[in-house]
């Protein structure tokens, strides 16, 4: 061993960090990030036109 070199002894905390963070997580495929759901049926009563609605919105 040359002068100035030190022998490095890993401690318990470093070993725990390497066990937990020592490698990258597995890759997530793009197909696994997309969720597909069928569209809901529109409610015809929800968008029905009301002749008197403009009175309520503008006069009250």
C-alpha atoms as a PDB file:
ATOM      1  CA  UNK A   1       0.000   0.000   0.000  1.00  0.00           C
ATOM      2  CA  UNK A   2       1.350   3.396  -1.003  1.00  0.00           C
ATOM      3  CA  UNK A   3       1.638   6.282   1.345  1.00  0.00           C
ATOM      4  CA  UNK A   4      -1.592   8.284   1.633  1.00  0.00           C
ATOM      5  CA  UNK A   5      -3.844   5.397   0.633  1.00  0.00           C
ATOM      6  CA  UNK A   6      -6.365   4.299   3.167  1.00  0.00           C
ATOM      7  CA  UNK A   7      -8.166   1.025   3.484  1.00  0.00           C
ATOM      8  CA  UNK A   8     -11.878   1.696   3.299  1.00  0.00           C
ATOM      9  CA  UNK A   9     -14.104  -0.450   5.478  1.00  0.00           C
ATOM     10  CA  UNK A  10     -17.821  -0.227   4.550  1.00  0.00           C
ATOM     11  CA  UNK A  11     -20.099   0.422   7.481  1.00  0.00           C
ATOM     12  CA  UNK A  12     -23.548  -1.003   8.124  1.00  0.00           C
ATOM     13  CA  UNK A  13     -25.391   2.178   7.031  1.00  0.00           C
ATOM     14  CA  UNK A  14     -23.571   2.235   3.705  1.00  0.00           C
ATOM     15  CA  UNK A  15     -24.375  -1.419   3.090  1.00  0.00           C
ATOM     16  CA  UNK A  16     -28.052  -0.745   3.816  1.00  0.00           C
ATOM     17  CA  UNK A  17     -28.071   2.224   1.410  1.00  0.00           C
ATOM     18  CA  UNK A  18     -26.451   0.166  -1.329  1.00  0.00           C
ATOM     19  CA  UNK A  19     -28.953  -2.648  -0.810  1.00  0.00           C
ATOM     20  CA  UNK A  20     -31.862  -0.217  -1.093  1.00  0.00           C
ATOM     21  CA  UNK A  21     -30.615   2.302  -3.679  1.00  0.00           C
ATOM     22  CA  UNK A  22     -27.767   0.459  -5.356  1.00  0.00           C
ATOM     23  CA  UNK A  23     -29.591  -0.241  -8.626  1.00  0.00           C
ATOM     24  CA  UNK A  24     -32.175   1.437 -10.791  1.00  0.00           C
ATOM     25  CA  UNK A  25     -35.780   0.231 -10.656  1.00  0.00           C
ATOM     26  CA  UNK A  26     -37.139  -1.924 -13.443  1.00  0.00           C
ATOM     27  CA  UNK A  27     -38.325  -0.097 -16.541  1.00  0.00           C
ATOM     28  CA  UNK A  28     -42.046   0.475 -16.963  1.00  0.00           C
ATOM     29  CA  UNK A  29     -43.362  -0.285 -20.412  1.00  0.00           C
ATOM     30  CA  UNK A  30     -45.381   2.450 -22.090  1.00  0.00           C
ATOM     31  CA  UNK A  31     -48.258   0.030 -22.628  1.00  0.00           C
ATOM     32  CA  UNK A  32     -48.450  -0.443 -18.845  1.00  0.00           C
ATOM     33  CA  UNK A  33     -48.932   3.305 -18.265  1.00  0.00           C
ATOM     34  CA  UNK A  34     -52.135   3.641 -20.310  1.00  0.00           C
ATOM     35  CA  UNK A  35     -55.555   2.840 -18.922  1.00  0.00           C
ATOM     36  CA  UNK A  36     -58.428   2.325 -21.310  1.00  0.00           C
ATOM     37  CA  UNK A  37     -62.042   2.641 -20.226  1.00  0.00           C
ATOM     38  CA  UNK A  38     -65.173   2.652 -22.345  1.00  0.00           C
ATOM     39  CA  UNK A  39     -66.870   6.011 -22.801  1.00  0.00           C
ATOM     40  CA  UNK A  40     -70.033   6.623 -20.841  1.00  0.00           C
ATOM     41  CA  UNK A  41     -73.351   7.084 -22.602  1.00  0.00           C
ATOM     42  CA  UNK A  42     -74.486  10.703 -22.718  1.00  0.00           C
ATOM     43  CA  UNK A  43     -77.599  11.588 -20.749  1.00  0.00           C
ATOM     44  CA  UNK A  44     -80.075  13.281 -23.137  1.00  0.00           C
ATOM     45  CA  UNK A  45     -81.819  15.085 -20.258  1.00  0.00           C
ATOM     46  CA  UNK A  46     -78.575  16.727 -19.187  1.00  0.00           C
ATOM     47  CA  UNK A  47     -78.065  18.701 -22.386  1.00  0.00           C
ATOM     48  CA  UNK A  48     -81.731  19.230 -23.241  1.00  0.00           C
ATOM     49  CA  UNK A  49     -82.640  22.740 -24.330  1.00  0.00           C
ATOM     50  CA  UNK A  50     -85.027  24.596 -22.074  1.00  0.00           C
ATOM     51  CA  UNK A  51     -86.920  27.548 -23.633  1.00  0.00           C
ATOM     52  CA  UNK A  52     -87.272  29.372 -20.321  1.00  0.00           C
ATOM     53  CA  UNK A  53     -83.676  28.961 -19.175  1.00  0.00           C
ATOM     54  CA  UNK A  54     -82.585  32.255 -20.734  1.00  0.00           C
ATOM     55  CA  UNK A  55     -85.155  34.051 -18.564  1.00  0.00           C
ATOM     56  CA  UNK A  56     -83.722  32.561 -15.437  1.00  0.00           C
ATOM     57  CA  UNK A  57     -80.127  33.356 -16.419  1.00  0.00           C
ATOM     58  CA  UNK A  58     -80.673  36.904 -17.655  1.00  0.00           C
ATOM     59  CA  UNK A  59     -83.618  38.306 -15.698  1.00  0.00           C
ATOM     60  CA  UNK A  60     -83.018  37.032 -12.185  1.00  0.00           C
END
